[in-house]
Amino acid sequence: QRITPAQRDWIETVFTRVFETHRPPLLVGKAVDQIELVHPRGYWHNLIRYIMRACAWVVGSVVCLWLAARHIEIRGERATGCPKCGYSLVGLAGGVCPECGHDRGAGA
């Protein structure tokens, strides 16, 4: 779509006031009448962009929380197992692993 005279005036105003020192290289040397509005960003474009960002944050947060919970769960399993062979020592009265003979109280 071609730009209207009102849009042309607005573009000239923006370029003269805002972009005095820097003009986009794509527009340098072109008359304002030759500029076409390829993809004007409007309400729906911004709404979709914000929804996509929010979805990315939600998915990323859920993944991070799941990884943290899994890490805590694995650490809890390791705390109840033999540090040498991983055999579960839950319910055993002694500190010696029946599988490998490692003494839990002696250190790793």
PDB file of N, CA and C in Angstrom:
ATOM      1  N   GLN A   1       0.840  -1.182   0.000  1.00  0.00           N
ATOM      2  CA  GLN A   1       0.000   0.000   0.000  1.00  0.00           C
ATOM      3  C   GLN A   1       0.876   1.233   0.000  1.00  0.00           C
ATOM      4  N   ARG A   2       0.446   2.224  -0.700  1.00  0.00           N
ATOM      5  CA  ARG A   2       1.178   3.487  -0.778  1.00  0.00           C
ATOM      6  C   ARG A   2       0.821   4.339   0.430  1.00  0.00           C
ATOM      7  N   ILE A   3       1.740   5.219   0.805  1.00  0.00           N
ATOM      8  CA  ILE A   3       1.481   6.069   1.964  1.00  0.00           C
ATOM      9  C   ILE A   3       0.641   7.278   1.576  1.00  0.00           C
ATOM     10  N   THR A   4      -0.104   7.751   2.538  1.00  0.00           N
ATOM     11  CA  THR A   4      -0.956   8.923   2.319  1.00  0.00           C
ATOM     12  C   THR A   4      -0.138  10.184   2.576  1.00  0.00           C
ATOM     13  N   PRO A   5      -0.630  11.338   2.143  1.00  0.00           N
ATOM     14  CA  PRO A   5       0.092  12.591   2.425  1.00  0.00           C
ATOM     15  C   PRO A   5       0.272  12.844   3.923  1.00  0.00           C
ATOM     16  N   ALA A   6      -0.703  12.456   4.733  1.00  0.00           N
ATOM     17  CA  ALA A   6      -0.570  12.645   6.185  1.00  0.00           C
ATOM     18  C   ALA A   6       0.546  11.759   6.738  1.00  0.00           C
ATOM     19  N   GLN A   7       0.618  10.523   6.244  1.00  0.00           N
ATOM     20  CA  GLN A   7       1.688   9.629   6.680  1.00  0.00           C
ATOM     21  C   GLN A   7       3.042  10.149   6.205  1.00  0.00           C
ATOM     22  N   ARG A   8       3.083  10.712   4.991  1.00  0.00           N
ATOM     23  CA  ARG A   8       4.332  11.261   4.465  1.00  0.00           C
ATOM     24  C   ARG A   8       4.826  12.404   5.346  1.00  0.00           C
ATOM     25  N   ASP A   9       3.912  13.282   5.741  1.00  0.00           N
ATOM     26  CA  ASP A   9       4.296  14.389   6.621  1.00  0.00           C
ATOM     27  C   ASP A   9       4.798  13.872   7.966  1.00  0.00           C
ATOM     28  N   TRP A  10       4.126  12.857   8.492  1.00  0.00           N
ATOM     29  CA  TRP A  10       4.541  12.294   9.782  1.00  0.00           C
ATOM     30  C   TRP A  10       5.932  11.666   9.671  1.00  0.00           C
ATOM     31  N   ILE A  11       6.182  10.925   8.593  1.00  0.00           N
ATOM     32  CA  ILE A  11       7.488  10.288   8.400  1.00  0.00           C
ATOM     33  C   ILE A  11       8.578  11.345   8.283  1.00  0.00           C
ATOM     34  N   GLU A  12       8.330  12.398   7.526  1.00  0.00           N
ATOM     35  CA  GLU A  12       9.320  13.471   7.404  1.00  0.00           C
ATOM     36  C   GLU A  12       9.591  14.126   8.750  1.00  0.00           C
ATOM     37  N   THR A  13       8.543  14.326   9.541  1.00  0.00           N
ATOM     38  CA  THR A  13       8.711  14.924  10.867  1.00  0.00           C
ATOM     39  C   THR A  13       9.542  14.025  11.766  1.00  0.00           C
ATOM     40  N   VAL A  14       9.247  12.738  11.749  1.00  0.00           N
ATOM     41  CA  VAL A  14      10.002  11.799  12.589  1.00  0.00           C
ATOM     42  C   VAL A  14      11.461  11.774  12.172  1.00  0.00           C
ATOM     43  N   PHE A  15      11.724  11.700  10.873  1.00  0.00           N
ATOM     44  CA  PHE A  15      13.111  11.636  10.424  1.00  0.00           C
ATOM     45  C   PHE A  15      13.879  12.914  10.716  1.00  0.00           C
ATOM     46  N   THR A  16      13.231  14.044  10.631  1.00  0.00           N
ATOM     47  CA  THR A  16      13.956  15.289  10.886  1.00  0.00           C
ATOM     48  C   THR A  16      14.164  15.530  12.370  1.00  0.00           C
ATOM     49  N   ARG A  17      13.234  15.109  13.214  1.00  0.00           N
ATOM     50  CA  ARG A  17      13.371  15.367  14.653  1.00  0.00           C
ATOM     51  C   ARG A  17      14.083  14.245  15.397  1.00  0.00           C
ATOM     52  N   VAL A  18      13.713  13.024  15.125  1.00  0.00           N
ATOM     53  CA  VAL A  18      14.227  11.896  15.905  1.00  0.00           C
ATOM     54  C   VAL A  18      15.520  11.350  15.325  1.00  0.00           C
ATOM     55  N   PHE A  19      15.541  11.146  14.015  1.00  0.00           N
ATOM     56  CA  PHE A  19      16.692  10.508  13.389  1.00  0.00           C
ATOM     57  C   PHE A  19      17.575  11.530  12.686  1.00  0.00           C
ATOM     58  N   GLU A  20      17.877  12.622  13.334  1.00  0.00           N
ATOM     59  CA  GLU A  20      18.699  13.654  12.696  1.00  0.00           C
ATOM     60  C   GLU A  20      20.100  13.135  12.398  1.00  0.00           C
ATOM     61  N   THR A  21      20.675  12.393  13.331  1.00  0.00           N
ATOM     62  CA  THR A  21      22.049  11.918  13.147  1.00  0.00           C
ATOM     63  C   THR A  21      22.111  10.542  12.501  1.00  0.00           C
ATOM     64  N   HIS A  22      21.031   9.792  12.577  1.00  0.00           N
ATOM     65  CA  HIS A  22      21.064   8.434  12.030  1.00  0.00           C
ATOM     66  C   HIS A  22      19.771   8.150  11.278  1.00  0.00           C
ATOM     67  N   ARG A  23      19.914   7.863  10.020  1.00  0.00           N
ATOM     68  CA  ARG A  23      18.772   7.431   9.232  1.00  0.00           C
ATOM     69  C   ARG A  23      19.028   6.001   8.797  1.00  0.00           C
ATOM     70  N   PRO A  24      18.004   5.175   8.792  1.00  0.00           N
ATOM     71  CA  PRO A  24      18.207   3.790   8.360  1.00  0.00           C
ATOM     72  C   PRO A  24      18.773   3.739   6.948  1.00  0.00           C
ATOM     73  N   PRO A  25      19.806   2.921   6.686  1.00  0.00           N
ATOM     74  CA  PRO A  25      20.454   2.877   5.373  1.00  0.00           C
ATOM     75  C   PRO A  25      19.491   2.519   4.249  1.00  0.00           C
ATOM     76  N   LEU A  26      18.446   1.766   4.560  1.00  0.00           N
ATOM     77  CA  LEU A  26      17.492   1.359   3.541  1.00  0.00           C
ATOM     78  C   LEU A  26      16.745   2.559   2.971  1.00  0.00           C
ATOM     79  N   LEU A  27      16.550   3.594   3.781  1.00  0.00           N
ATOM     80  CA  LEU A  27      15.746   4.736   3.360  1.00  0.00           C
ATOM     81  C   LEU A  27      16.570   5.918   2.873  1.00  0.00           C
ATOM     82  N   VAL A  28      17.886   5.862   3.017  1.00  0.00           N
ATOM     83  CA  VAL A  28      18.720   6.989   2.611  1.00  0.00           C
ATOM     84  C   VAL A  28      18.685   7.111   1.090  1.00  0.00           C
ATOM     85  N   GLY A  29      18.437   8.299   0.614  1.00  0.00           N
ATOM     86  CA  GLY A  29      18.429   8.546  -0.821  1.00  0.00           C
ATOM     87  C   GLY A  29      17.095   8.303  -1.493  1.00  0.00           C
ATOM     88  N   LYS A  30      16.101   7.805  -0.777  1.00  0.00           N
ATOM     89  CA  LYS A  30      14.791   7.573  -1.373  1.00  0.00           C
ATOM     90  C   LYS A  30      13.865   8.719  -1.002  1.00  0.00           C
ATOM     91  N   ALA A  31      13.025   9.059  -1.914  1.00  0.00           N
ATOM     92  CA  ALA A  31      12.013  10.069  -1.615  1.00  0.00           C
ATOM     93  C   ALA A  31      10.969   9.445  -0.699  1.00  0.00           C
ATOM     94  N   VAL A  32      10.390  10.275   0.136  1.00  0.00           N
ATOM     95  CA  VAL A  32       9.419   9.748   1.089  1.00  0.00           C
ATOM     96  C   VAL A  32       8.215   9.161   0.364  1.00  0.00           C
ATOM     97  N   ASP A  33       7.888   9.672  -0.799  1.00  0.00           N
ATOM     98  CA  ASP A  33       6.745   9.154  -1.553  1.00  0.00           C
ATOM     99  C   ASP A  33       6.985   7.731  -2.061  1.00  0.00           C
ATOM    100  N   GLN A  34       8.254   7.305  -2.141  1.00  0.00           N
ATOM    101  CA  GLN A  34       8.565   5.975  -2.651  1.00  0.00           C
ATOM    102  C   GLN A  34       8.552   4.910  -1.562  1.00  0.00           C
ATOM    103  N   ILE A  35       8.393   5.303  -0.315  1.00  0.00           N
ATOM    104  CA  ILE A  35       8.411   4.340   0.784  1.00  0.00           C
ATOM    105  C   ILE A  35       7.060   3.647   0.854  1.00  0.00           C
ATOM    106  N   GLU A  36       7.075   2.341   0.946  1.00  0.00           N
ATOM    107  CA  GLU A  36       5.840   1.586   1.104  1.00  0.00           C
ATOM    108  C   GLU A  36       5.792   1.025   2.517  1.00  0.00           C
ATOM    109  N   LEU A  37       4.613   1.033   3.106  1.00  0.00           N
ATOM    110  CA  LEU A  37       4.438   0.447   4.431  1.00  0.00           C
ATOM    111  C   LEU A  37       4.267  -1.054   4.251  1.00  0.00           C
ATOM    112  N   VAL A  38       5.344  -1.792   4.476  1.00  0.00           N
ATOM    113  CA  VAL A  38       5.336  -3.225   4.229  1.00  0.00           C
ATOM    114  C   VAL A  38       4.616  -3.957   5.351  1.00  0.00           C
ATOM    115  N   HIS A  39       4.976  -3.659   6.579  1.00  0.00           N
ATOM    116  CA  HIS A  39       4.384  -4.382   7.705  1.00  0.00           C
ATOM    117  C   HIS A  39       4.181  -3.424   8.869  1.00  0.00           C
ATOM    118  N   PRO A  40       3.110  -2.657   8.849  1.00  0.00           N
ATOM    119  CA  PRO A  40       2.891  -1.759   9.975  1.00  0.00           C
ATOM    120  C   PRO A  40       2.577  -2.552  11.235  1.00  0.00           C
ATOM    121  N   ARG A  41       3.226  -2.201  12.304  1.00  0.00           N
ATOM    122  CA  ARG A  41       3.001  -2.911  13.557  1.00  0.00           C
ATOM    123  C   ARG A  41       1.829  -2.269  14.270  1.00  0.00           C
ATOM    124  N   GLY A  42       0.816  -3.047  14.476  1.00  0.00           N
ATOM    125  CA  GLY A  42      -0.381  -2.530  15.112  1.00  0.00           C
ATOM    126  C   GLY A  42      -0.725  -3.309  16.358  1.00  0.00           C
ATOM    127  N   TYR A  43      -1.961  -3.159  16.770  1.00  0.00           N
ATOM    128  CA  TYR A  43      -2.444  -3.769  18.006  1.00  0.00           C
ATOM    129  C   TYR A  43      -2.314  -5.282  17.978  1.00  0.00           C
ATOM    130  N   TRP A  44      -2.770  -5.930  16.902  1.00  0.00           N
ATOM    131  CA  TRP A  44      -2.772  -7.392  16.861  1.00  0.00           C
ATOM    132  C   TRP A  44      -1.364  -7.958  16.789  1.00  0.00           C
ATOM    133  N   HIS A  45      -0.500  -7.283  16.065  1.00  0.00           N
ATOM    134  CA  HIS A  45       0.887  -7.749  15.990  1.00  0.00           C
ATOM    135  C   HIS A  45       1.524  -7.726  17.378  1.00  0.00           C
ATOM    136  N   ASN A  46       1.337  -6.629  18.100  1.00  0.00           N
ATOM    137  CA  ASN A  46       1.908  -6.530  19.442  1.00  0.00           C
ATOM    138  C   ASN A  46       1.260  -7.511  20.400  1.00  0.00           C
ATOM    139  N   LEU A  47      -0.050  -7.699  20.299  1.00  0.00           N
ATOM    140  CA  LEU A  47      -0.740  -8.639  21.179  1.00  0.00           C
ATOM    141  C   LEU A  47      -0.205 -10.053  20.983  1.00  0.00           C
ATOM    142  N   ILE A  48      -0.058 -10.464  19.739  1.00  0.00           N
ATOM    143  CA  ILE A  48       0.466 -11.805  19.458  1.00  0.00           C
ATOM    144  C   ILE A  48       1.896 -11.927  19.960  1.00  0.00           C
ATOM    145  N   ARG A  49       2.700 -10.888  19.765  1.00  0.00           N
ATOM    146  CA  ARG A  49       4.086 -10.921  20.236  1.00  0.00           C
ATOM    147  C   ARG A  49       4.146 -11.064  21.753  1.00  0.00           C
ATOM    148  N   TYR A  50       3.318 -10.324  22.479  1.00  0.00           N
ATOM    149  CA  TYR A  50       3.321 -10.413  23.940  1.00  0.00           C
ATOM    150  C   TYR A  50       2.800 -11.760  24.428  1.00  0.00           C
ATOM    151  N   ILE A  51       1.812 -12.303  23.750  1.00  0.00           N
ATOM    152  CA  ILE A  51       1.303 -13.624  24.125  1.00  0.00           C
ATOM    153  C   ILE A  51       2.380 -14.680  23.909  1.00  0.00           C
ATOM    154  N   MET A  52       3.102 -14.599  22.807  1.00  0.00           N
ATOM    155  CA  MET A  52       4.167 -15.572  22.543  1.00  0.00           C
ATOM    156  C   MET A  52       5.280 -15.451  23.574  1.00  0.00           C
ATOM    157  N   ARG A  53       5.636 -14.228  23.954  1.00  0.00           N
ATOM    158  CA  ARG A  53       6.657 -14.045  24.986  1.00  0.00           C
ATOM    159  C   ARG A  53       6.191 -14.613  26.320  1.00  0.00           C
ATOM    160  N   ALA A  54       4.933 -14.370  26.664  1.00  0.00           N
ATOM    161  CA  ALA A  54       4.399 -14.892  27.924  1.00  0.00           C
ATOM    162  C   ALA A  54       4.403 -16.417  27.914  1.00  0.00           C
ATOM    163  N   CYS A  55       4.032 -17.018  26.793  1.00  0.00           N
ATOM    164  CA  CYS A  55       4.057 -18.484  26.685  1.00  0.00           C
ATOM    165  C   CYS A  55       5.478 -19.014  26.831  1.00  0.00           C
ATOM    166  N   ALA A  56       6.430 -18.342  26.228  1.00  0.00           N
ATOM    167  CA  ALA A  56       7.828 -18.776  26.351  1.00  0.00           C
ATOM    168  C   ALA A  56       8.294 -18.691  27.799  1.00  0.00           C
ATOM    169  N   TRP A  57       7.927 -17.614  28.502  1.00  0.00           N
ATOM    170  CA  TRP A  57       8.300 -17.485  29.916  1.00  0.00           C
ATOM    171  C   TRP A  57       7.641 -18.574  30.758  1.00  0.00           C
ATOM    172  N   VAL A  58       6.376 -18.874  30.498  1.00  0.00           N
ATOM    173  CA  VAL A  58       5.675 -19.900  31.272  1.00  0.00           C
ATOM    174  C   VAL A  58       6.310 -21.262  31.031  1.00  0.00           C
ATOM    175  N   VAL A  59       6.546 -21.601  29.779  1.00  0.00           N
ATOM    176  CA  VAL A  59       7.158 -22.901  29.464  1.00  0.00           C
ATOM    177  C   VAL A  59       8.557 -22.987  30.061  1.00  0.00           C
ATOM    178  N   GLY A  60       9.337 -21.929  29.936  1.00  0.00           N
ATOM    179  CA  GLY A  60      10.683 -21.929  30.516  1.00  0.00           C
ATOM    180  C   GLY A  60      10.657 -22.058  32.028  1.00  0.00           C
ATOM    181  N   SER A  61       9.715 -21.389  32.674  1.00  0.00           N
ATOM    182  CA  SER A  61       9.605 -21.475  34.134  1.00  0.00           C
ATOM    183  C   SER A  61       9.204 -22.872  34.572  1.00  0.00           C
ATOM    184  N   VAL A  62       8.258 -23.476  33.859  1.00  0.00           N
ATOM    185  CA  VAL A  62       7.829 -24.837  34.201  1.00  0.00           C
ATOM    186  C   VAL A  62       8.982 -25.815  34.036  1.00  0.00           C
ATOM    187  N   VAL A  63       9.739 -25.678  32.961  1.00  0.00           N
ATOM    188  CA  VAL A  63      10.885 -26.569  32.742  1.00  0.00           C
ATOM    189  C   VAL A  63      11.923 -26.388  33.849  1.00  0.00           C
ATOM    190  N   CYS A  64      12.214 -25.143  34.218  1.00  0.00           N
ATOM    191  CA  CYS A  64      13.190 -24.888  35.289  1.00  0.00           C
ATOM    192  C   CYS A  64      12.715 -25.450  36.620  1.00  0.00           C
ATOM    193  N   LEU A  65      11.442 -25.270  36.937  1.00  0.00           N
ATOM    194  CA  LEU A  65      10.906 -25.817  38.188  1.00  0.00           C
ATOM    195  C   LEU A  65      10.941 -27.339  38.183  1.00  0.00           C
ATOM    196  N   TRP A  66      10.622 -27.949  37.030  1.00  0.00           N
ATOM    197  CA  TRP A  66      10.666 -29.404  36.946  1.00  0.00           C
ATOM    198  C   TRP A  66      12.098 -29.912  37.127  1.00  0.00           C
ATOM    199  N   LEU A  67      13.065 -29.241  36.492  1.00  0.00           N
ATOM    200  CA  LEU A  67      14.464 -29.649  36.646  1.00  0.00           C
ATOM    201  C   LEU A  67      14.934 -29.488  38.086  1.00  0.00           C
ATOM    202  N   ALA A  68      14.523 -28.406  38.746  1.00  0.00           N
ATOM    203  CA  ALA A  68      14.908 -28.204  40.144  1.00  0.00           C
ATOM    204  C   ALA A  68      14.292 -29.276  41.030  1.00  0.00           C
ATOM    205  N   ALA A  69      13.023 -29.610  40.807  1.00  0.00           N
ATOM    206  CA  ALA A  69      12.371 -30.656  41.602  1.00  0.00           C
ATOM    207  C   ALA A  69      13.032 -32.005  41.356  1.00  0.00           C
ATOM    208  N   ARG A  70      13.370 -32.278  40.114  1.00  0.00           N
ATOM    209  CA  ARG A  70      14.043 -33.553  39.786  1.00  0.00           C
ATOM    210  C   ARG A  70      15.416 -33.619  40.442  1.00  0.00           C
ATOM    211  N   HIS A  71      16.130 -32.490  40.462  1.00  0.00           N
ATOM    212  CA  HIS A  71      17.445 -32.448  41.097  1.00  0.00           C
ATOM    213  C   HIS A  71      17.323 -32.714  42.598  1.00  0.00           C
ATOM    214  N   ILE A  72      16.331 -32.103  43.235  1.00  0.00           N
ATOM    215  CA  ILE A  72      16.123 -32.323  44.668  1.00  0.00           C
ATOM    216  C   ILE A  72      15.738 -33.772  44.923  1.00  0.00           C
ATOM    217  N   GLU A  73      14.914 -34.341  44.045  1.00  0.00           N
ATOM    218  CA  GLU A  73      14.502 -35.733  44.197  1.00  0.00           C
ATOM    219  C   GLU A  73      15.701 -36.675  44.067  1.00  0.00           C
ATOM    220  N   ILE A  74      16.564 -36.413  43.094  1.00  0.00           N
ATOM    221  CA  ILE A  74      17.748 -37.256  42.907  1.00  0.00           C
ATOM    222  C   ILE A  74      18.685 -37.128  44.100  1.00  0.00           C
ATOM    223  N   ARG A  75      18.861 -35.901  44.610  1.00  0.00           N
ATOM    224  CA  ARG A  75      19.716 -35.711  45.784  1.00  0.00           C
ATOM    225  C   ARG A  75      19.157 -36.458  46.981  1.00  0.00           C
ATOM    226  N   GLY A  76      17.833 -36.469  47.118  1.00  0.00           N
ATOM    227  CA  GLY A  76      17.208 -37.202  48.221  1.00  0.00           C
ATOM    228  C   GLY A  76      17.430 -38.699  48.094  1.00  0.00           C
ATOM    229  N   GLU A  77      17.375 -39.223  46.864  1.00  0.00           N
ATOM    230  CA  GLU A  77      17.634 -40.648  46.653  1.00  0.00           C
ATOM    231  C   GLU A  77      19.088 -40.984  46.965  1.00  0.00           C
ATOM    232  N   ARG A  78      19.992 -40.101  46.617  1.00  0.00           N
ATOM    233  CA  ARG A  78      21.404 -40.352  46.893  1.00  0.00           C
ATOM    234  C   ARG A  78      21.691 -40.328  48.389  1.00  0.00           C
ATOM    235  N   ALA A  79      20.963 -39.483  49.123  1.00  0.00           N
ATOM    236  CA  ALA A  79      21.203 -39.386  50.563  1.00  0.00           C
ATOM    237  C   ALA A  79      20.797 -40.662  51.279  1.00  0.00           C
ATOM    238  N   THR A  80      19.842 -41.415  50.735  1.00  0.00           N
ATOM    239  CA  THR A  80      19.403 -42.648  51.387  1.00  0.00           C
ATOM    240  C   THR A  80      20.117 -43.871  50.829  1.00  0.00           C
ATOM    241  N   GLY A  81      21.000 -43.680  49.864  1.00  0.00           N
ATOM    242  CA  GLY A  81      21.697 -44.809  49.270  1.00  0.00           C
ATOM    243  C   GLY A  81      23.164 -44.837  49.659  1.00  0.00           C
ATOM    244  N   CYS A  82      23.796 -45.965  49.379  1.00  0.00           N
ATOM    245  CA  CYS A  82      25.225 -46.123  49.645  1.00  0.00           C
ATOM    246  C   CYS A  82      26.002 -45.219  48.693  1.00  0.00           C
ATOM    247  N   PRO A  83      26.934 -44.405  49.205  1.00  0.00           N
ATOM    248  CA  PRO A  83      27.686 -43.519  48.320  1.00  0.00           C
ATOM    249  C   PRO A  83      28.619 -44.263  47.367  1.00  0.00           C
ATOM    250  N   LYS A  84      28.931 -45.507  47.660  1.00  0.00           N
ATOM    251  CA  LYS A  84      29.861 -46.266  46.818  1.00  0.00           C
ATOM    252  C   LYS A  84      29.137 -47.018  45.698  1.00  0.00           C
ATOM    253  N   CYS A  85      28.068 -47.745  46.045  1.00  0.00           N
ATOM    254  CA  CYS A  85      27.401 -48.565  45.033  1.00  0.00           C
ATOM    255  C   CYS A  85      25.978 -48.117  44.730  1.00  0.00           C
ATOM    256  N   GLY A  86      25.395 -47.231  45.544  1.00  0.00           N
ATOM    257  CA  GLY A  86      24.051 -46.740  45.296  1.00  0.00           C
ATOM    258  C   GLY A  86      22.950 -47.615  45.864  1.00  0.00           C
ATOM    259  N   TYR A  87      23.282 -48.666  46.564  1.00  0.00           N
ATOM    260  CA  TYR A  87      22.278 -49.558  47.150  1.00  0.00           C
ATOM    261  C   TYR A  87      21.461 -48.793  48.189  1.00  0.00           C
ATOM    262  N   SER A  88      20.155 -49.007  48.210  1.00  0.00           N
ATOM    263  CA  SER A  88      19.285 -48.297  49.141  1.00  0.00           C
ATOM    264  C   SER A  88      19.506 -48.813  50.555  1.00  0.00           C
ATOM    265  N   LEU A  89      19.798 -47.870  51.466  1.00  0.00           N
ATOM    266  CA  LEU A  89      20.036 -48.219  52.865  1.00  0.00           C
ATOM    267  C   LEU A  89      18.851 -47.852  53.755  1.00  0.00           C
ATOM    268  N   VAL A  90      17.687 -47.616  53.155  1.00  0.00           N
ATOM    269  CA  VAL A  90      16.497 -47.255  53.916  1.00  0.00           C
ATOM    270  C   VAL A  90      16.069 -48.447  54.765  1.00  0.00           C
ATOM    271  N   GLY A  91      15.868 -48.208  56.057  1.00  0.00           N
ATOM    272  CA  GLY A  91      15.388 -49.243  56.967  1.00  0.00           C
ATOM    273  C   GLY A  91      16.488 -50.090  57.592  1.00  0.00           C
ATOM    274  N   LEU A  92      17.736 -49.874  57.221  1.00  0.00           N
ATOM    275  CA  LEU A  92      18.835 -50.640  57.817  1.00  0.00           C
ATOM    276  C   LEU A  92      19.309 -49.948  59.085  1.00  0.00           C
ATOM    277  N   ALA A  93      19.509 -50.728  60.128  1.00  0.00           N
ATOM    278  CA  ALA A  93      19.917 -50.163  61.410  1.00  0.00           C
ATOM    279  C   ALA A  93      21.399 -49.798  61.396  1.00  0.00           C
ATOM    280  N   GLY A  94      22.224 -50.596  60.792  1.00  0.00           N
ATOM    281  CA  GLY A  94      23.662 -50.359  60.792  1.00  0.00           C
ATOM    282  C   GLY A  94      24.079 -49.380  59.712  1.00  0.00           C
ATOM    283  N   GLY A  95      25.313 -48.930  59.802  1.00  0.00           N
ATOM    284  CA  GLY A  95      25.839 -48.001  58.828  1.00  0.00           C
ATOM    285  C   GLY A  95      26.651 -48.687  57.755  1.00  0.00           C
ATOM    286  N   VAL A  96      26.627 -50.021  57.701  1.00  0.00           N
ATOM    287  CA  VAL A  96      27.417 -50.768  56.725  1.00  0.00           C
ATOM    288  C   VAL A  96      26.497 -51.247  55.608  1.00  0.00           C
ATOM    289  N   CYS A  97      26.922 -51.047  54.385  1.00  0.00           N
ATOM    290  CA  CYS A  97      26.145 -51.470  53.220  1.00  0.00           C
ATOM    291  C   CYS A  97      26.226 -52.994  53.088  1.00  0.00           C
ATOM    292  N   PRO A  98      25.073 -53.687  53.007  1.00  0.00           N
ATOM    293  CA  PRO A  98      25.110 -55.144  52.858  1.00  0.00           C
ATOM    294  C   PRO A  98      25.549 -55.581  51.459  1.00  0.00           C
ATOM    295  N   GLU A  99      25.525 -54.683  50.502  1.00  0.00           N
ATOM    296  CA  GLU A  99      25.872 -55.024  49.124  1.00  0.00           C
ATOM    297  C   GLU A  99      27.385 -55.017  48.902  1.00  0.00           C
ATOM    298  N   CYS A 100      28.053 -53.919  49.331  1.00  0.00           N
ATOM    299  CA  CYS A 100      29.486 -53.791  49.051  1.00  0.00           C
ATOM    300  C   CYS A 100      30.337 -53.746  50.318  1.00  0.00           C
ATOM    301  N   GLY A 101      29.718 -53.617  51.489  1.00  0.00           N
ATOM    302  CA  GLY A 101      30.465 -53.586  52.740  1.00  0.00           C
ATOM    303  C   GLY A 101      31.014 -52.221  53.100  1.00  0.00           C
ATOM    304  N   HIS A 102      30.647 -51.182  52.375  1.00  0.00           N
ATOM    305  CA  HIS A 102      31.130 -49.830  52.646  1.00  0.00           C
ATOM    306  C   HIS A 102      30.510 -49.313  53.935  1.00  0.00           C
ATOM    307  N   ASP A 103      31.340 -48.710  54.792  1.00  0.00           N
ATOM    308  CA  ASP A 103      30.864 -48.156  56.055  1.00  0.00           C
ATOM    309  C   ASP A 103      30.434 -46.711  55.810  1.00  0.00           C
ATOM    310  N   ARG A 104      29.154 -46.431  56.007  1.00  0.00           N
ATOM    311  CA  ARG A 104      28.609 -45.106  55.759  1.00  0.00           C
ATOM    312  C   ARG A 104      29.218 -44.076  56.699  1.00  0.00           C
ATOM    313  N   GLY A 105      29.530 -44.446  57.893  1.00  0.00           N
ATOM    314  CA  GLY A 105      30.098 -43.522  58.871  1.00  0.00           C
ATOM    315  C   GLY A 105      31.565 -43.223  58.609  1.00  0.00           C
ATOM    316  N   ALA A 106      32.252 -44.036  57.817  1.00  0.00           N
ATOM    317  CA  ALA A 106      33.677 -43.843  57.575  1.00  0.00           C
ATOM    318  C   ALA A 106      33.944 -42.794  56.500  1.00  0.00           C
ATOM    319  N   GLY A 107      32.916 -42.339  55.783  1.00  0.00           N
ATOM    320  CA  GLY A 107      33.115 -41.354  54.704  1.00  0.00           C
ATOM    321  C   GLY A 107      33.108 -42.037  53.357  1.00  0.00           C
ATOM    322  N   ALA A 108      33.177 -41.247  52.323  1.00  0.00           N
ATOM    323  CA  ALA A 108      33.083 -41.790  50.964  1.00  0.00           C
ATOM    324  C   ALA A 108      34.357 -42.402  50.510  1.00  0.00           C
TER     325      ALA A 108
END
